[in-house]
Amino acid sequence: MRNKLTKLIAVIIIVTISQGAYAKIWRLNNNGNNQIPAITADFPASTTLQQAHDNASVASGDTLHVEQSPTTYGNCVFTKRLVVIGPGYYLAANPNTQVNTSWGATVGNLTFYTAGAASTQVFGLTTGNVYMGVNNLLIARCNITGAVYIGNTSTGNIDGMTLRQNLINPNTNAVISNSGTGIITNMTIQNNIINGGSYYAGISLGNNTSGIIKSNIVQCYYGPINVYNFYVVNNITYSATSSGNTFNNCNIEFNSGTIAGHFQAPAGSNNTIGSGNLVKSQAQVNYVGGTSPDGIFQLNSASEVKGVGKDGVDLGVYAGDYPYKLSGIAPVPNIYGLVIDPITAGAASIHVTVTAKGNN
């Protein structure tokens, strides 16, 4: 039955995600720590994410399905355009996530510096550091436990990268510039929960980077955001001190911060401070709280930042074009319920009830 269920999940993913006429989906499963040996996949149980990526049969445009395991799949330096799909994170903390809520899929640092990795998409993994440095890269619905470095280490220009619907919770800086001097355009940072480590930055990017910062929650000890050349809208920020945000050459409207120095009177110069920027305490923002690490940031019905964003949307991560998805479930159908009726000796068939849902 376990193998039949695995095949059913694979079929759903194949039907849902089209990567071209010749693209293939590969399964990676190293779950040898389970009482049941690793489910037979396309690679041996000892295969790391890097080894699967490097396999000569895995071509640009293919999909790597990284399955649930208590064992890390390790670091990966990408040189191919792939779609990488994990099962999500904090699966036991939120409803209707996966049949098995014991594990997600953990990897180490992910590095995207080589042009061949442009347009890669990554969903549903727990990662270490993420190094974003190629055109049209999408990192979405991941639990990022390290820093996100924007830009590569060279002088090359980069366009169209997106960091979306992630939980970014490092013990250091969260989203920061890399050491390269190339120009980074159309950078989108959207619907992320960003918690800078103690005494570190939330979003801090140099003047070589421009784009949009939209519908995020950014929390840290000092000023949460320090950027140039961005359109900043529908965000919620919190700082534990009286430090404000710093903007230069930015357009800022419809945001909420815990002090006026976040959005109404930030540090910096040449900004356009539009309407709708509010000062609201954490009590006025009024999250639902609870025990879910990402669900706690949903707004209560009495929240004073509901319906006050651009075009009347709520502020924060659970609204807008790409609302945050609990547990980072990837945008493919997932099976979260399985009931097998009792099986009698000699039965010609069995009755199985599978509960699934879409996750766009």
Foldseek 3Di string as FASTA:
>chain_A
DVLVVVVVQVVQVPVPDDLDDPAEEFEAWLACVDPDGTDDTPDPNLAAPQNVQPPPVHAASYEYEYEWHPDASEEHEHQAAYEYAKQFAPQVQDPDRAQDSPTIYEYEEYHYAHANNALHEYFHYEYEEYEDAYEQYEYELYAYAYAYEYHDQEQAEYERYEYYLYEFHYQAEHYEYDNYNHAYEAYYYALYEFEHHAPHEGHAYDASYAHEYAQAEFEYAAAHEEYEHYEYWLAEYEHVDPHEYEYELYEYAQYEYQDCCHQVNPHYDNYHRDYNYYHDHPVQQAFPADDQPPNSRHGDPNHPQALSTVVRHGGHQCDDPHHRDRRRGDQTKHWHDKDWPDDDPPDPDTDMDIDIDGDD
